[in-house]
Amino acid sequence: MNEDRMRLPMHPLLEPDSTIDVHDAVVRAIEQELERRFSANSVLNRLEAEAQLATLLQDRRDSDDSRVTREKHHDIRGA
């Protein structure tokens, strides 16, 4: 397993104190969908799946960061 890859932790509802890293499962799901729709090279599908997941996570982080910034701005102006 590649230690440099991003982690995608999940906390199951039945065991909220435990953590499962679902990164590989999500990449595999994207990879399988690419294969189903476009066939092509499995190595390229894996690389694209990793890149697509990284983009999704970055978009989420950017969205979360802008939400926090808006909330802080509102708190400062609203105070």
N, C-alpha and C. Protein backbone atom coordinates (compact mmCIF):
# COMPACT_ATOMS: atom_id res chain seq x y z
N MET A 1 0.84 -1.19 0.00
CA MET A 1 0.00 0.00 0.00
C MET A 1 0.89 1.25 0.00
N ASN A 2 0.51 2.24 -0.75
CA ASN A 2 1.29 3.46 -0.88
C ASN A 2 1.04 4.37 0.33
N GLU A 3 2.08 4.61 1.11
CA GLU A 3 1.94 5.42 2.33
C GLU A 3 1.78 6.91 2.02
N ASP A 4 2.15 7.33 0.78
CA ASP A 4 2.05 8.74 0.41
C ASP A 4 0.65 9.14 -0.03
N ARG A 5 -0.20 8.17 -0.28
CA ARG A 5 -1.54 8.49 -0.78
C ARG A 5 -2.39 9.13 0.32
N MET A 6 -3.41 9.82 -0.12
CA MET A 6 -4.30 10.46 0.85
C MET A 6 -5.13 9.42 1.57
N ARG A 7 -5.51 9.71 2.77
CA ARG A 7 -6.41 8.83 3.53
C ARG A 7 -7.82 9.35 3.36
N LEU A 8 -8.76 8.45 3.41
CA LEU A 8 -10.17 8.80 3.34
C LEU A 8 -10.87 8.07 4.49
N PRO A 9 -10.78 8.65 5.70
CA PRO A 9 -11.31 7.96 6.87
C PRO A 9 -12.83 8.04 6.95
N MET A 10 -13.41 6.98 7.48
CA MET A 10 -14.85 6.90 7.69
C MET A 10 -15.07 6.33 9.08
N HIS A 11 -16.07 6.85 9.78
CA HIS A 11 -16.43 6.36 11.10
C HIS A 11 -17.80 5.68 11.01
N PRO A 12 -17.82 4.34 11.06
CA PRO A 12 -19.09 3.61 10.93
C PRO A 12 -20.07 3.98 12.04
N LEU A 13 -21.34 4.07 11.69
CA LEU A 13 -22.36 4.40 12.68
C LEU A 13 -22.43 3.37 13.80
N LEU A 14 -22.21 2.11 13.48
CA LEU A 14 -22.29 1.06 14.50
C LEU A 14 -21.09 1.05 15.44
N GLU A 15 -19.96 1.60 14.98
CA GLU A 15 -18.76 1.70 15.81
C GLU A 15 -18.11 3.05 15.58
N PRO A 16 -18.70 4.13 16.11
CA PRO A 16 -18.21 5.48 15.82
C PRO A 16 -16.79 5.75 16.31
N ASP A 17 -16.29 4.95 17.24
CA ASP A 17 -14.92 5.15 17.72
C ASP A 17 -13.88 4.50 16.83
N SER A 18 -14.33 3.67 15.88
CA SER A 18 -13.38 3.03 14.97
C SER A 18 -13.31 3.83 13.68
N THR A 19 -12.21 3.65 12.97
CA THR A 19 -11.98 4.36 11.71
C THR A 19 -11.62 3.35 10.63
N ILE A 20 -12.25 3.52 9.48
CA ILE A 20 -11.96 2.68 8.33
C ILE A 20 -11.47 3.60 7.22
N ASP A 21 -10.34 3.26 6.61
CA ASP A 21 -9.83 4.03 5.48
C ASP A 21 -10.44 3.42 4.21
N VAL A 22 -11.35 4.16 3.57
CA VAL A 22 -12.06 3.65 2.40
C VAL A 22 -11.47 4.14 1.08
N HIS A 23 -10.28 4.72 1.14
CA HIS A 23 -9.64 5.26 -0.07
C HIS A 23 -9.59 4.24 -1.19
N ASP A 24 -9.04 3.06 -0.93
CA ASP A 24 -8.88 2.06 -1.98
C ASP A 24 -10.22 1.60 -2.54
N ALA A 25 -11.22 1.46 -1.69
CA ALA A 25 -12.54 1.03 -2.15
C ALA A 25 -13.17 2.07 -3.07
N VAL A 26 -13.01 3.35 -2.74
CA VAL A 26 -13.57 4.42 -3.56
C VAL A 26 -12.83 4.49 -4.90
N VAL A 27 -11.52 4.40 -4.86
CA VAL A 27 -10.74 4.41 -6.11
C VAL A 27 -11.15 3.22 -6.98
N ARG A 28 -11.31 2.05 -6.38
CA ARG A 28 -11.72 0.87 -7.14
C ARG A 28 -13.09 1.08 -7.78
N ALA A 29 -14.02 1.69 -7.05
CA ALA A 29 -15.36 1.94 -7.60
C ALA A 29 -15.28 2.89 -8.81
N ILE A 30 -14.49 3.94 -8.70
CA ILE A 30 -14.33 4.87 -9.83
C ILE A 30 -13.67 4.16 -11.00
N GLU A 31 -12.65 3.38 -10.69
CA GLU A 31 -11.93 2.63 -11.72
C GLU A 31 -12.88 1.67 -12.46
N GLN A 32 -13.71 0.97 -11.72
CA GLN A 32 -14.66 0.03 -12.32
C GLN A 32 -15.68 0.76 -13.19
N GLU A 33 -16.12 1.92 -12.77
CA GLU A 33 -17.06 2.69 -13.57
C GLU A 33 -16.41 3.18 -14.87
N LEU A 34 -15.17 3.61 -14.79
CA LEU A 34 -14.44 4.00 -16.00
C LEU A 34 -14.30 2.81 -16.94
N GLU A 35 -13.98 1.66 -16.40
CA GLU A 35 -13.85 0.44 -17.20
C GLU A 35 -15.19 0.07 -17.85
N ARG A 36 -16.26 0.16 -17.09
CA ARG A 36 -17.59 -0.18 -17.61
C ARG A 36 -17.99 0.75 -18.75
N ARG A 37 -17.71 2.01 -18.59
CA ARG A 37 -18.14 2.99 -19.58
C ARG A 37 -17.20 3.13 -20.77
N PHE A 38 -15.90 3.02 -20.54
CA PHE A 38 -14.94 3.35 -21.60
C PHE A 38 -13.94 2.25 -21.91
N SER A 39 -13.95 1.15 -21.17
CA SER A 39 -12.95 0.10 -21.32
C SER A 39 -11.56 0.68 -21.13
N ALA A 40 -10.74 0.63 -22.14
CA ALA A 40 -9.40 1.22 -22.11
C ALA A 40 -8.44 0.44 -21.24
N ASN A 41 -7.37 1.09 -20.87
CA ASN A 41 -6.25 0.49 -20.17
C ASN A 41 -6.49 0.53 -18.66
N SER A 42 -6.35 -0.60 -17.98
CA SER A 42 -6.62 -0.66 -16.54
C SER A 42 -5.66 0.21 -15.73
N VAL A 43 -4.42 0.34 -16.19
CA VAL A 43 -3.46 1.19 -15.49
C VAL A 43 -3.89 2.65 -15.60
N LEU A 44 -4.28 3.05 -16.82
CA LEU A 44 -4.75 4.42 -17.00
C LEU A 44 -6.03 4.68 -16.21
N ASN A 45 -6.93 3.70 -16.16
CA ASN A 45 -8.16 3.86 -15.38
C ASN A 45 -7.84 4.07 -13.90
N ARG A 46 -6.86 3.31 -13.41
CA ARG A 46 -6.46 3.46 -12.00
C ARG A 46 -5.90 4.86 -11.74
N LEU A 47 -5.03 5.31 -12.63
CA LEU A 47 -4.45 6.65 -12.48
C LEU A 47 -5.52 7.73 -12.56
N GLU A 48 -6.45 7.57 -13.50
CA GLU A 48 -7.52 8.56 -13.61
C GLU A 48 -8.42 8.51 -12.38
N ALA A 49 -8.70 7.33 -11.88
CA ALA A 49 -9.54 7.20 -10.68
C ALA A 49 -8.89 7.92 -9.49
N GLU A 50 -7.59 7.74 -9.32
CA GLU A 50 -6.87 8.44 -8.25
C GLU A 50 -6.96 9.94 -8.42
N ALA A 51 -6.78 10.41 -9.67
CA ALA A 51 -6.83 11.85 -9.95
C ALA A 51 -8.23 12.40 -9.73
N GLN A 52 -9.25 11.66 -10.16
CA GLN A 52 -10.63 12.12 -9.98
C GLN A 52 -10.98 12.22 -8.50
N LEU A 53 -10.56 11.24 -7.71
CA LEU A 53 -10.82 11.29 -6.28
C LEU A 53 -10.10 12.47 -5.64
N ALA A 54 -8.87 12.70 -6.02
CA ALA A 54 -8.12 13.84 -5.48
C ALA A 54 -8.83 15.15 -5.81
N THR A 55 -9.37 15.26 -7.02
CA THR A 55 -10.11 16.46 -7.42
C THR A 55 -11.38 16.62 -6.58
N LEU A 56 -12.11 15.53 -6.40
CA LEU A 56 -13.32 15.59 -5.59
C LEU A 56 -13.02 16.03 -4.16
N LEU A 57 -11.96 15.47 -3.59
CA LEU A 57 -11.60 15.82 -2.21
C LEU A 57 -11.11 17.26 -2.12
N GLN A 58 -10.36 17.72 -3.11
CA GLN A 58 -9.89 19.11 -3.10
C GLN A 58 -11.06 20.07 -3.25
N ASP A 59 -12.01 19.75 -4.13
CA ASP A 59 -13.20 20.59 -4.27
C ASP A 59 -13.95 20.67 -2.95
N ARG A 60 -14.02 19.55 -2.24
CA ARG A 60 -14.71 19.52 -0.95
C ARG A 60 -13.97 20.37 0.08
N ARG A 61 -12.64 20.24 0.11
CA ARG A 61 -11.84 21.04 1.04
C ARG A 61 -11.98 22.53 0.74
N ASP A 62 -11.94 22.88 -0.56
CA ASP A 62 -12.10 24.28 -0.94
C ASP A 62 -13.46 24.81 -0.52
N SER A 63 -14.49 24.00 -0.70
CA SER A 63 -15.85 24.39 -0.31
C SER A 63 -15.94 24.56 1.20
N ASP A 64 -15.35 23.63 1.95
CA ASP A 64 -15.35 23.73 3.41
C ASP A 64 -14.59 24.96 3.87
N ASP A 65 -13.44 25.23 3.23
CA ASP A 65 -12.64 26.41 3.59
C ASP A 65 -13.40 27.69 3.33
N SER A 66 -14.10 27.78 2.21
CA SER A 66 -14.83 29.01 1.90
C SER A 66 -16.01 29.18 2.85
N ARG A 67 -16.64 28.06 3.26
CA ARG A 67 -17.75 28.14 4.22
C ARG A 67 -17.25 28.67 5.56
N VAL A 68 -16.12 28.15 6.02
CA VAL A 68 -15.54 28.60 7.29
C VAL A 68 -15.16 30.07 7.21
N THR A 69 -14.58 30.48 6.08
CA THR A 69 -14.20 31.88 5.90
C THR A 69 -15.44 32.77 5.93
N ARG A 70 -16.52 32.35 5.25
CA ARG A 70 -17.76 33.13 5.26
C ARG A 70 -18.32 33.24 6.67
N GLU A 71 -18.28 32.12 7.42
CA GLU A 71 -18.80 32.14 8.79
C GLU A 71 -17.97 33.07 9.67
N LYS A 72 -16.66 33.03 9.54
CA LYS A 72 -15.79 33.90 10.32
C LYS A 72 -16.06 35.36 9.95
N HIS A 73 -16.22 35.63 8.65
CA HIS A 73 -16.48 36.99 8.19
C HIS A 73 -17.81 37.48 8.77
N HIS A 74 -18.81 36.60 8.77
CA HIS A 74 -20.12 36.96 9.32
C HIS A 74 -20.02 37.22 10.83
N ASP A 75 -19.27 36.38 11.53
CA ASP A 75 -19.09 36.56 12.98
C ASP A 75 -18.42 37.89 13.29
N ILE A 76 -17.43 38.25 12.50
CA ILE A 76 -16.70 39.50 12.75
C ILE A 76 -17.61 40.69 12.45
N ARG A 77 -18.30 40.67 11.31
CA ARG A 77 -19.16 41.79 10.93
C ARG A 77 -20.42 41.84 11.75
N GLY A 78 -20.92 40.66 12.14
CA GLY A 78 -22.18 40.61 12.89
C GLY A 78 -22.01 40.92 14.36
N ALA A 79 -20.78 40.89 14.85
CA ALA A 79 -20.54 41.10 16.28
C ALA A 79 -20.63 42.56 16.66
